[in-house]
C-alpha atoms as a PDB file:
ATOM      1  CA  UNK A   1     -49.706 -20.370  15.254  1.00  0.00           C
ATOM      2  CA  UNK A   2     -51.576 -17.611  13.425  1.00  0.00           C
ATOM      3  CA  UNK A   3     -54.046 -15.197  14.909  1.00  0.00           C
ATOM      4  CA  UNK A   4     -54.088 -12.906  17.909  1.00  0.00           C
ATOM      5  CA  UNK A   5     -52.382 -14.179  21.052  1.00  0.00           C
ATOM      6  CA  UNK A   6     -53.805 -13.179  24.429  1.00  0.00           C
ATOM      7  CA  UNK A   7     -51.857 -14.164  27.514  1.00  0.00           C
ATOM      8  CA  UNK A   8     -53.857 -14.472  30.716  1.00  0.00           C
ATOM      9  CA  UNK A   9     -51.291 -14.946  33.472  1.00  0.00           C
ATOM     10  CA  UNK A  10     -52.925 -16.306  36.596  1.00  0.00           C
ATOM     11  CA  UNK A  11     -51.930 -19.063  39.029  1.00  0.00           C
ATOM     12  CA  UNK A  12     -55.321 -20.710  38.620  1.00  0.00           C
ATOM     13  CA  UNK A  13     -57.205 -20.599  35.305  1.00  0.00           C
ATOM     14  CA  UNK A  14     -60.459 -21.173  37.158  1.00  0.00           C
ATOM     15  CA  UNK A  15     -60.297 -17.637  38.480  1.00  0.00           C
ATOM     16  CA  UNK A  16     -60.616 -15.904  35.141  1.00  0.00           C
ATOM     17  CA  UNK A  17     -62.590 -17.806  32.496  1.00  0.00           C
ATOM     18  CA  UNK A  18     -64.860 -14.908  31.621  1.00  0.00           C
ATOM     19  CA  UNK A  19     -62.016 -12.378  31.700  1.00  0.00           C
ATOM     20  CA  UNK A  20     -60.047 -14.548  29.309  1.00  0.00           C
ATOM     21  CA  UNK A  21     -62.960 -15.017  26.961  1.00  0.00           C
ATOM     22  CA  UNK A  22     -63.964 -11.390  26.866  1.00  0.00           C
ATOM     23  CA  UNK A  23     -60.386 -10.217  26.425  1.00  0.00           C
ATOM     24  CA  UNK A  24     -60.082 -12.537  23.478  1.00  0.00           C
ATOM     25  CA  UNK A  25     -63.289 -11.296  21.890  1.00  0.00           C
ATOM     26  CA  UNK A  26     -62.349  -7.640  22.273  1.00  0.00           C
ATOM     27  CA  UNK A  27     -58.902  -8.178  20.816  1.00  0.00           C
ATOM     28  CA  UNK A  28     -60.267 -10.306  18.001  1.00  0.00           C
ATOM     29  CA  UNK A  29     -62.657  -7.568  16.969  1.00  0.00           C
ATOM     30  CA  UNK A  30     -59.937  -4.924  17.221  1.00  0.00           C
ATOM     31  CA  UNK A  31     -57.501  -6.969  15.165  1.00  0.00           C
ATOM     32  CA  UNK A  32     -60.154  -8.166  12.692  1.00  0.00           C
ATOM     33  CA  UNK A  33     -58.724 -11.610  13.247  1.00  0.00           C
ATOM     34  CA  UNK A  34     -60.558 -14.824  12.549  1.00  0.00           C
ATOM     35  CA  UNK A  35     -58.528 -16.722  15.117  1.00  0.00           C
ATOM     36  CA  UNK A  36     -57.602 -15.937  18.687  1.00  0.00           C
ATOM     37  CA  UNK A  37     -55.224 -17.841  20.936  1.00  0.00           C
ATOM     38  CA  UNK A  38     -55.365 -17.752  24.713  1.00  0.00           C
ATOM     39  CA  UNK A  39     -52.593 -18.848  27.015  1.00  0.00           C
ATOM     40  CA  UNK A  40     -53.712 -19.481  30.583  1.00  0.00           C
ATOM     41  CA  UNK A  41     -51.295 -20.554  33.298  1.00  0.00           C
ATOM     42  CA  UNK A  42     -51.985 -24.177  34.180  1.00  0.00           C
ATOM     43  CA  UNK A  43     -50.673 -26.760  36.611  1.00  0.00           C
ATOM     44  CA  UNK A  44     -47.223 -27.918  35.452  1.00  0.00           C
ATOM     45  CA  UNK A  45     -46.411 -31.533  34.773  1.00  0.00           C
ATOM     46  CA  UNK A  46     -49.442 -32.256  32.622  1.00  0.00           C
ATOM     47  CA  UNK A  47     -48.847 -34.210  29.416  1.00  0.00           C
ATOM     48  CA  UNK A  48     -49.562 -32.328  26.170  1.00  0.00           C
ATOM     49  CA  UNK A  49     -52.999 -33.017  24.771  1.00  0.00           C
ATOM     50  CA  UNK A  50     -55.041 -31.528  21.952  1.00  0.00           C
ATOM     51  CA  UNK A  51     -58.795 -31.578  21.721  1.00  0.00           C
ATOM     52  CA  UNK A  52     -61.581 -29.847  19.814  1.00  0.00           C
ATOM     53  CA  UNK A  53     -64.425 -28.155  21.690  1.00  0.00           C
ATOM     54  CA  UNK A  54     -67.955 -28.206  20.264  1.00  0.00           C
ATOM     55  CA  UNK A  55     -70.991 -26.166  21.296  1.00  0.00           C
ATOM     56  CA  UNK A  56     -74.406 -26.722  19.753  1.00  0.00           C
ATOM     57  CA  UNK A  57     -72.845 -29.021  17.175  1.00  0.00           C
ATOM     58  CA  UNK A  58     -70.247 -26.452  16.067  1.00  0.00           C
ATOM     59  CA  UNK A  59     -66.500 -26.632  16.688  1.00  0.00           C
ATOM     60  CA  UNK A  60     -65.833 -23.343  18.445  1.00  0.00           C
ATOM     61  CA  UNK A  61     -62.385 -23.917  19.926  1.00  0.00           C
ATOM     62  CA  UNK A  62     -59.552 -26.348  20.458  1.00  0.00           C
ATOM     63  CA  UNK A  63     -56.934 -26.556  23.160  1.00  0.00           C
ATOM     64  CA  UNK A  64     -53.615 -28.066  24.094  1.00  0.00           C
ATOM     65  CA  UNK A  65     -51.725 -28.225  27.354  1.00  0.00           C
ATOM     66  CA  UNK A  66     -47.943 -28.065  27.459  1.00  0.00           C
ATOM     67  CA  UNK A  67     -45.142 -26.523  29.483  1.00  0.00           C
ATOM     68  CA  UNK A  68     -47.383 -25.378  32.305  1.00  0.00           C
ATOM     69  CA  UNK A  69     -49.805 -23.539  30.017  1.00  0.00           C
ATOM     70  CA  UNK A  70     -53.237 -24.323  28.705  1.00  0.00           C
ATOM     71  CA  UNK A  71     -53.464 -22.846  25.209  1.00  0.00           C
ATOM     72  CA  UNK A  72     -56.959 -22.330  23.823  1.00  0.00           C
ATOM     73  CA  UNK A  73     -57.670 -21.375  20.230  1.00  0.00           C
ATOM     74  CA  UNK A  74     -61.037 -19.672  19.784  1.00  0.00           C
ATOM     75  CA  UNK A  75     -62.407 -20.249  16.302  1.00  0.00           C
ATOM     76  CA  UNK A  76     -65.530 -18.152  16.761  1.00  0.00           C
ATOM     77  CA  UNK A  77     -64.766 -15.019  18.820  1.00  0.00           C
ATOM     78  CA  UNK A  78     -68.449 -14.151  19.214  1.00  0.00           C
ATOM     79  CA  UNK A  79     -68.756 -17.279  21.358  1.00  0.00           C
ATOM     80  CA  UNK A  80     -65.512 -16.586  23.210  1.00  0.00           C
ATOM     81  CA  UNK A  81     -66.937 -16.705  26.726  1.00  0.00           C
ATOM     82  CA  UNK A  82     -68.758 -20.035  26.388  1.00  0.00           C
ATOM     83  CA  UNK A  83     -65.949 -21.548  24.352  1.00  0.00           C
ATOM     84  CA  UNK A  84     -63.351 -20.577  26.965  1.00  0.00           C
ATOM     85  CA  UNK A  85     -65.316 -22.161  29.801  1.00  0.00           C
ATOM     86  CA  UNK A  86     -66.022 -25.266  27.721  1.00  0.00           C
ATOM     87  CA  UNK A  87     -62.326 -25.616  26.879  1.00  0.00           C
ATOM     88  CA  UNK A  88     -61.368 -25.243  30.539  1.00  0.00           C
ATOM     89  CA  UNK A  89     -63.869 -27.952  31.415  1.00  0.00           C
ATOM     90  CA  UNK A  90     -62.563 -30.245  28.676  1.00  0.00           C
ATOM     91  CA  UNK A  91     -59.030 -29.736  29.953  1.00  0.00           C
ATOM     92  CA  UNK A  92     -60.028 -30.883  33.414  1.00  0.00           C
ATOM     93  CA  UNK A  93     -60.552 -27.455  34.966  1.00  0.00           C
ATOM     94  CA  UNK A  94     -64.326 -27.293  35.144  1.00  0.00           C
ATOM     95  CA  UNK A  95     -65.443 -24.139  36.991  1.00  0.00           C
ATOM     96  CA  UNK A  96     -68.655 -25.953  37.951  1.00  0.00           C
ATOM     97  CA  UNK A  97     -66.950 -28.798  39.760  1.00  0.00           C
ATOM     98  CA  UNK A  98     -67.713 -29.535  43.396  1.00  0.00           C
ATOM     99  CA  UNK A  99     -66.127 -27.080  45.777  1.00  0.00           C
ATOM    100  CA  UNK A 100     -66.175 -24.119  43.419  1.00  0.00           C
ATOM    101  CA  UNK A 101     -69.082 -22.146  42.101  1.00  0.00           C
ATOM    102  CA  UNK A 102     -69.670 -19.069  39.953  1.00  0.00           C
ATOM    103  CA  UNK A 103     -72.667 -16.973  40.922  1.00  0.00           C
ATOM    104  CA  UNK A 104     -74.064 -13.919  39.213  1.00  0.00           C
ATOM    105  CA  UNK A 105     -74.744 -11.087  41.629  1.00  0.00           C
ATOM    106  CA  UNK A 106     -74.795  -7.362  41.074  1.00  0.00           C
ATOM    107  CA  UNK A 107     -74.112  -6.864  44.772  1.00  0.00           C
ATOM    108  CA  UNK A 108     -71.199  -8.772  46.253  1.00  0.00           C
ATOM    109  CA  UNK A 109     -72.250  -7.867  49.779  1.00  0.00           C
ATOM    110  CA  UNK A 110     -75.642  -9.496  49.241  1.00  0.00           C
ATOM    111  CA  UNK A 111     -74.022 -12.670  47.973  1.00  0.00           C
ATOM    112  CA  UNK A 112     -71.633 -12.683  50.903  1.00  0.00           C
ATOM    113  CA  UNK A 113     -74.575 -12.448  53.290  1.00  0.00           C
ATOM    114  CA  UNK A 114     -76.366 -15.269  51.471  1.00  0.00           C
ATOM    115  CA  UNK A 115     -73.241 -17.413  51.541  1.00  0.00           C
ATOM    116  CA  UNK A 116     -72.828 -16.942  55.262  1.00  0.00           C
ATOM    117  CA  UNK A 117     -69.877 -16.031  57.484  1.00  0.00           C
ATOM    118  CA  UNK A 118     -66.529 -17.457  56.527  1.00  0.00           C
ATOM    119  CA  UNK A 119     -67.371 -17.894  52.840  1.00  0.00           C
ATOM    120  CA  UNK A 120     -64.770 -16.400  50.545  1.00  0.00           C
ATOM    121  CA  UNK A 121     -65.724 -14.372  47.486  1.00  0.00           C
ATOM    122  CA  UNK A 122     -63.431 -13.487  44.629  1.00  0.00           C
ATOM    123  CA  UNK A 123     -64.591 -11.150  41.873  1.00  0.00           C
ATOM    124  CA  UNK A 124     -63.631 -12.653  38.525  1.00  0.00           C
ATOM    125  CA  UNK A 125     -65.593 -10.066  36.572  1.00  0.00           C
ATOM    126  CA  UNK A 126     -67.655  -7.180  37.890  1.00  0.00           C
ATOM    127  CA  UNK A 127     -71.085  -8.542  38.672  1.00  0.00           C
ATOM    128  CA  UNK A 128     -69.874 -12.148  38.422  1.00  0.00           C
ATOM    129  CA  UNK A 129     -68.586 -13.460  41.729  1.00  0.00           C
ATOM    130  CA  UNK A 130     -66.552 -16.544  42.483  1.00  0.00           C
ATOM    131  CA  UNK A 131     -67.690 -18.317  45.628  1.00  0.00           C
ATOM    132  CA  UNK A 132     -65.067 -20.619  47.082  1.00  0.00           C
ATOM    133  CA  UNK A 133     -66.204 -23.508  49.236  1.00  0.00           C
ATOM    134  CA  UNK A 134     -69.684 -23.851  47.724  1.00  0.00           C
ATOM    135  CA  UNK A 135     -71.176 -27.284  48.218  1.00  0.00           C
ATOM    136  CA  UNK A 136     -73.156 -27.409  44.991  1.00  0.00           C
ATOM    137  CA  UNK A 137     -73.631 -25.790  41.622  1.00  0.00           C
ATOM    138  CA  UNK A 138     -77.150 -24.482  42.072  1.00  0.00           C
ATOM    139  CA  UNK A 139     -77.172 -23.524  45.729  1.00  0.00           C
ATOM    140  CA  UNK A 140     -76.605 -19.806  45.203  1.00  0.00           C
ATOM    141  CA  UNK A 141     -78.745 -17.047  43.663  1.00  0.00           C
ATOM    142  CA  UNK A 142     -78.098 -16.396  40.009  1.00  0.00           C
ATOM    143  CA  UNK A 143     -76.021 -19.505  39.367  1.00  0.00           C
ATOM    144  CA  UNK A 144     -76.286 -20.563  35.753  1.00  0.00           C
ATOM    145  CA  UNK A 145     -75.348 -24.237  35.250  1.00  0.00           C
ATOM    146  CA  UNK A 146     -74.296 -23.477  31.672  1.00  0.00           C
ATOM    147  CA  UNK A 147     -72.089 -20.559  32.766  1.00  0.00           C
ATOM    148  CA  UNK A 148     -73.574 -18.240  30.186  1.00  0.00           C
ATOM    149  CA  UNK A 149     -72.629 -14.572  30.074  1.00  0.00           C
ATOM    150  CA  UNK A 150     -74.958 -12.134  31.894  1.00  0.00           C
ATOM    151  CA  UNK A 151     -76.390 -10.760  28.656  1.00  0.00           C
ATOM    152  CA  UNK A 152     -77.092 -14.312  27.483  1.00  0.00           C
ATOM    153  CA  UNK A 153     -78.911 -15.059  30.744  1.00  0.00           C
ATOM    154  CA  UNK A 154     -80.954 -11.858  30.522  1.00  0.00           C
ATOM    155  CA  UNK A 155     -81.851 -12.547  26.909  1.00  0.00           C
ATOM    156  CA  UNK A 156     -82.938 -16.106  27.607  1.00  0.00           C
ATOM    157  CA  UNK A 157     -85.137 -15.010  30.491  1.00  0.00           C
ATOM    158  CA  UNK A 158     -86.693 -12.152  28.494  1.00  0.00           C
ATOM    159  CA  UNK A 159     -87.362 -14.406  25.509  1.00  0.00           C
ATOM    160  CA  UNK A 160     -88.946 -17.090  27.678  1.00  0.00           C
ATOM    161  CA  UNK A 161     -91.153 -14.552  29.437  1.00  0.00           C
ATOM    162  CA  UNK A 162     -92.088 -12.766  26.197  1.00  0.00           C
ATOM    163  CA  UNK A 163     -90.862  -9.427  27.549  1.00  0.00           C
ATOM    164  CA  UNK A 164     -88.991  -6.535  25.958  1.00  0.00           C
ATOM    165  CA  UNK A 165     -86.389  -4.223  27.489  1.00  0.00           C
ATOM    166  CA  UNK A 166     -85.232  -0.663  26.864  1.00  0.00           C
ATOM    167  CA  UNK A 167     -82.033   1.003  28.066  1.00  0.00           C
ATOM    168  CA  UNK A 168     -81.353   4.614  29.012  1.00  0.00           C
ATOM    169  CA  UNK A 169     -77.655   5.312  29.423  1.00  0.00           C
ATOM    170  CA  UNK A 170     -75.382   8.137  30.393  1.00  0.00           C
ATOM    171  CA  UNK A 171     -71.866   7.156  31.497  1.00  0.00           C
ATOM    172  CA  UNK A 172     -71.952   3.823  29.665  1.00  0.00           C
ATOM    173  CA  UNK A 173     -72.815   5.596  26.396  1.00  0.00           C
ATOM    174  CA  UNK A 174     -74.555   2.673  24.719  1.00  0.00           C
ATOM    175  CA  UNK A 175     -72.409  -0.129  26.126  1.00  0.00           C
ATOM    176  CA  UNK A 176     -75.402  -1.708  27.862  1.00  0.00           C
ATOM    177  CA  UNK A 177     -77.405  -1.751  24.628  1.00  0.00           C
ATOM    178  CA  UNK A 178     -74.392  -3.222  22.815  1.00  0.00           C
ATOM    179  CA  UNK A 179     -74.133  -6.087  25.292  1.00  0.00           C
ATOM    180  CA  UNK A 180     -77.874  -6.761  25.187  1.00  0.00           C
ATOM    181  CA  UNK A 181     -77.851  -6.916  21.388  1.00  0.00           C
ATOM    182  CA  UNK A 182     -74.659  -8.998  21.165  1.00  0.00           C
ATOM    183  CA  UNK A 183     -76.813 -12.119  21.522  1.00  0.00           C
ATOM    184  CA  UNK A 184     -78.322 -13.574  18.330  1.00  0.00           C
ATOM    185  CA  UNK A 185     -82.086 -13.170  18.368  1.00  0.00           C
ATOM    186  CA  UNK A 186     -81.978 -10.118  20.646  1.00  0.00           C
ATOM    187  CA  UNK A 187     -84.295  -8.252  18.250  1.00  0.00           C
ATOM    188  CA  UNK A 188     -87.032 -10.339  19.805  1.00  0.00           C
ATOM    189  CA  UNK A 189     -86.635  -8.714  23.214  1.00  0.00           C
ATOM    190  CA  UNK A 190     -84.620  -5.471  22.907  1.00  0.00           C
ATOM    191  CA  UNK A 191     -86.908  -2.577  22.025  1.00  0.00           C
ATOM    192  CA  UNK A 192     -84.705   0.540  21.955  1.00  0.00           C
ATOM    193  CA  UNK A 193     -82.173   2.654  23.811  1.00  0.00           C
ATOM    194  CA  UNK A 194     -81.028   6.191  24.502  1.00  0.00           C
ATOM    195  CA  UNK A 195     -77.626   7.733  25.136  1.00  0.00           C
ATOM    196  CA  UNK A 196     -78.393  10.840  27.186  1.00  0.00           C
ATOM    197  CA  UNK A 197     -74.977  12.106  28.106  1.00  0.00           C
ATOM    198  CA  UNK A 198     -75.895  15.669  29.043  1.00  0.00           C
ATOM    199  CA  UNK A 199     -78.478  17.025  31.452  1.00  0.00           C
ATOM    200  CA  UNK A 200     -80.309  18.632  28.517  1.00  0.00           C
ATOM    201  CA  UNK A 201     -80.546  15.265  26.781  1.00  0.00           C
ATOM    202  CA  UNK A 202     -81.891  13.606  29.916  1.00  0.00           C
ATOM    203  CA  UNK A 203     -84.547  16.293  30.243  1.00  0.00           C
ATOM    204  CA  UNK A 204     -85.461  16.458  26.556  1.00  0.00           C
ATOM    205  CA  UNK A 205     -85.467  12.767  25.655  1.00  0.00           C
ATOM    206  CA  UNK A 206     -86.391  11.068  28.938  1.00  0.00           C
ATOM    207  CA  UNK A 207     -88.393  13.735  30.721  1.00  0.00           C
ATOM    208  CA  UNK A 208     -86.051  14.013  33.711  1.00  0.00           C
ATOM    209  CA  UNK A 209     -87.109  17.103  35.597  1.00  0.00           C
ATOM    210  CA  UNK A 210     -84.772  20.075  35.672  1.00  0.00           C
ATOM    211  CA  UNK A 211     -85.597  20.380  39.371  1.00  0.00           C
ATOM    212  CA  UNK A 212     -84.205  16.897  40.099  1.00  0.00           C
ATOM    213  CA  UNK A 213     -81.134  17.573  37.989  1.00  0.00           C
ATOM    214  CA  UNK A 214     -80.505  20.875  39.769  1.00  0.00           C
ATOM    215  CA  UNK A 215     -81.169  19.588  43.292  1.00  0.00           C
ATOM    216  CA  UNK A 216     -79.644  16.108  43.143  1.00  0.00           C
ATOM    217  CA  UNK A 217     -77.362  16.157  40.127  1.00  0.00           C
ATOM    218  CA  UNK A 218     -77.300  13.763  37.180  1.00  0.00           C
ATOM    219  CA  UNK A 219     -75.650  11.036  39.242  1.00  0.00           C
ATOM    220  CA  UNK A 220     -78.394  10.404  41.778  1.00  0.00           C
ATOM    221  CA  UNK A 221     -81.223   8.092  42.716  1.00  0.00           C
ATOM    222  CA  UNK A 222     -84.047  10.418  41.574  1.00  0.00           C
ATOM    223  CA  UNK A 223     -82.463  10.872  38.151  1.00  0.00           C
ATOM    224  CA  UNK A 224     -81.795   7.155  37.655  1.00  0.00           C
ATOM    225  CA  UNK A 225     -85.391   6.366  38.552  1.00  0.00           C
ATOM    226  CA  UNK A 226     -86.673   9.155  36.281  1.00  0.00           C
ATOM    227  CA  UNK A 227     -84.594   7.751  33.417  1.00  0.00           C
ATOM    228  CA  UNK A 228     -86.316   4.390  33.884  1.00  0.00           C
ATOM    229  CA  UNK A 229     -89.737   6.046  33.822  1.00  0.00           C
ATOM    230  CA  UNK A 230     -88.791   8.024  30.726  1.00  0.00           C
ATOM    231  CA  UNK A 231     -87.566   4.939  28.915  1.00  0.00           C
ATOM    232  CA  UNK A 232     -90.797   3.096  29.665  1.00  0.00           C
ATOM    233  CA  UNK A 233     -92.899   6.089  28.623  1.00  0.00           C
ATOM    234  CA  UNK A 234     -91.037   6.441  25.341  1.00  0.00           C
ATOM    235  CA  UNK A 235     -91.021   2.784  24.341  1.00  0.00           C
ATOM    236  CA  UNK A 236     -93.090  -0.363  24.059  1.00  0.00           C
ATOM    237  CA  UNK A 237     -90.780  -2.163  26.483  1.00  0.00           C
ATOM    238  CA  UNK A 238     -92.033  -4.052  29.509  1.00  0.00           C
ATOM    239  CA  UNK A 239     -89.019  -3.145  31.611  1.00  0.00           C
ATOM    240  CA  UNK A 240     -86.241  -0.586  31.435  1.00  0.00           C
ATOM    241  CA  UNK A 241     -82.713  -0.155  32.732  1.00  0.00           C
ATOM    242  CA  UNK A 242     -80.906   3.120  33.382  1.00  0.00           C
ATOM    243  CA  UNK A 243     -77.271   3.950  34.121  1.00  0.00           C
ATOM    244  CA  UNK A 244     -75.850   7.273  35.260  1.00  0.00           C
ATOM    245  CA  UNK A 245     -72.502   7.738  36.942  1.00  0.00           C
ATOM    246  CA  UNK A 246     -68.998   9.158  37.125  1.00  0.00           C
ATOM    247  CA  UNK A 247     -66.719   6.975  35.009  1.00  0.00           C
ATOM    248  CA  UNK A 248     -63.666   9.195  35.436  1.00  0.00           C
ATOM    249  CA  UNK A 249     -60.883   9.973  35.397  1.00  0.00           C
ATOM    250  CA  UNK A 250     -62.231  13.427  36.198  1.00  0.00           C
ATOM    251  CA  UNK A 251     -65.613  14.673  37.337  1.00  0.00           C
ATOM    252  CA  UNK A 252     -65.600  13.149  40.806  1.00  0.00           C
ATOM    253  CA  UNK A 253     -66.419  15.032  43.994  1.00  0.00           C
ATOM    254  CA  UNK A 254     -66.186  14.273  47.697  1.00  0.00           C
ATOM    255  CA  UNK A 255     -69.799  13.128  47.761  1.00  0.00           C
ATOM    256  CA  UNK A 256     -69.656  11.439  44.359  1.00  0.00           C
ATOM    257  CA  UNK A 257     -66.139  10.191  43.705  1.00  0.00           C
ATOM    258  CA  UNK A 258     -65.097   8.545  40.468  1.00  0.00           C
ATOM    259  CA  UNK A 259     -66.744   5.141  40.291  1.00  0.00           C
ATOM    260  CA  UNK A 260     -70.057   6.306  41.762  1.00  0.00           C
ATOM    261  CA  UNK A 261     -72.831   4.890  39.594  1.00  0.00           C
ATOM    262  CA  UNK A 262     -76.580   4.815  40.068  1.00  0.00           C
ATOM    263  CA  UNK A 263     -78.383   2.024  38.206  1.00  0.00           C
ATOM    264  CA  UNK A 264     -82.139   1.971  37.893  1.00  0.00           C
ATOM    265  CA  UNK A 265     -84.477  -0.798  36.811  1.00  0.00           C
ATOM    266  CA  UNK A 266     -88.202  -1.205  36.719  1.00  0.00           C
ATOM    267  CA  UNK A 267     -91.299  -2.844  35.232  1.00  0.00           C
ATOM    268  CA  UNK A 268     -94.025  -0.933  33.451  1.00  0.00           C
ATOM    269  CA  UNK A 269     -96.515  -1.880  36.153  1.00  0.00           C
ATOM    270  CA  UNK A 270     -94.367  -0.931  39.137  1.00  0.00           C
ATOM    271  CA  UNK A 271     -92.169   1.754  40.629  1.00  0.00           C
ATOM    272  CA  UNK A 272     -88.519   1.777  39.556  1.00  0.00           C
ATOM    273  CA  UNK A 273     -85.716   0.979  41.952  1.00  0.00           C
ATOM    274  CA  UNK A 274     -82.220   2.412  41.873  1.00  0.00           C
ATOM    275  CA  UNK A 275     -79.056   1.229  43.594  1.00  0.00           C
ATOM    276  CA  UNK A 276     -75.821   3.072  44.167  1.00  0.00           C
ATOM    277  CA  UNK A 277     -72.548   1.334  43.316  1.00  0.00           C
ATOM    278  CA  UNK A 278     -68.986   2.363  44.092  1.00  0.00           C
ATOM    279  CA  UNK A 279     -66.822   0.750  41.428  1.00  0.00           C
ATOM    280  CA  UNK A 280     -63.048   0.722  41.446  1.00  0.00           C
ATOM    281  CA  UNK A 281     -60.724   0.867  38.469  1.00  0.00           C
ATOM    282  CA  UNK A 282     -60.208   3.158  35.528  1.00  0.00           C
ATOM    283  CA  UNK A 283     -62.776   4.596  33.153  1.00  0.00           C
ATOM    284  CA  UNK A 284     -63.222   1.485  31.031  1.00  0.00           C
ATOM    285  CA  UNK A 285     -63.443  -0.742  34.112  1.00  0.00           C
ATOM    286  CA  UNK A 286     -66.106   1.454  35.732  1.00  0.00           C
ATOM    287  CA  UNK A 287     -68.150   1.381  32.545  1.00  0.00           C
ATOM    288  CA  UNK A 288     -67.747  -2.405  32.213  1.00  0.00           C
ATOM    289  CA  UNK A 289     -68.697  -2.938  35.848  1.00  0.00           C
ATOM    290  CA  UNK A 290     -71.719  -0.684  35.430  1.00  0.00           C
ATOM    291  CA  UNK A 291     -73.047  -2.720  32.512  1.00  0.00           C
ATOM    292  CA  UNK A 292     -72.568  -5.972  34.397  1.00  0.00           C
ATOM    293  CA  UNK A 293     -74.383  -4.608  37.435  1.00  0.00           C
ATOM    294  CA  UNK A 294     -77.262  -3.438  35.233  1.00  0.00           C
ATOM    295  CA  UNK A 295     -77.467  -6.890  33.651  1.00  0.00           C
ATOM    296  CA  UNK A 296     -77.454  -8.401  37.123  1.00  0.00           C
ATOM    297  CA  UNK A 297     -80.396  -6.225  38.123  1.00  0.00           C
ATOM    298  CA  UNK A 298     -82.185  -7.222  34.927  1.00  0.00           C
ATOM    299  CA  UNK A 299     -81.702 -10.889  35.831  1.00  0.00           C
ATOM    300  CA  UNK A 300     -83.364 -10.232  39.167  1.00  0.00           C
ATOM    301  CA  UNK A 301     -86.277  -8.450  37.480  1.00  0.00           C
ATOM    302  CA  UNK A 302     -86.963 -11.361  35.154  1.00  0.00           C
ATOM    303  CA  UNK A 303     -86.142 -14.207  37.528  1.00  0.00           C
END
């Protein structure tokens, strides 16, 4: 088999469909490969089968199951996430089946409270939570029956509402804008973005006050909210997102350890809100989690 092989070793493929898809897409881009193969651990004893997977009338993947592994070939890496989930469903491992549910939530604690005591959450991707024991597909906030990626959900909601978004970023350094514009047609709802990595850039380009930067620091609620205001003031967007944090591995303090991220969001006709997150993992994981949380907040703004 030609192409890039990505092995996702997990006892249950249902736990990592988005991780598998995204890993494949990243590696496909890095390797400039037209084909990507996934191997996901699967229940042993299944007879080998081979089947094509179509989305929107296009064959985007095929799969076979043999020797305890489900092997998925992704033919169009830009659709890796949807193709992976569709292939899992075709192979008899539908993440939407009764008893299991994926819900999008930027705040796991909020989802846990909504689910009630005794419900078990498992984070399959930062900002995308697996809820075990759910009784239905659409019973929980943020559930997308089509299992689209967060940026796809945000884009669909923005397009339907006729709204545009802007992004002001620090620690994510443009990663949020990249995810927003990864969706075809995003020029219809993404207005612009800023990467304001230094305090001077935040002050000069977004109008963040030097007093707030000096008193609270760049990683703070006042600065995140000011970044949202600055993005709205400097754009034609209807809503704006802002990210500022400590991605690591250095730069953390006792009060603001590595993984501390403030994410702001707001409409043009309202006051911005900012939430503090404490993400675990290395630098790339903190940045990835930050983008997902920002997309989760955007979903809530345009719900």
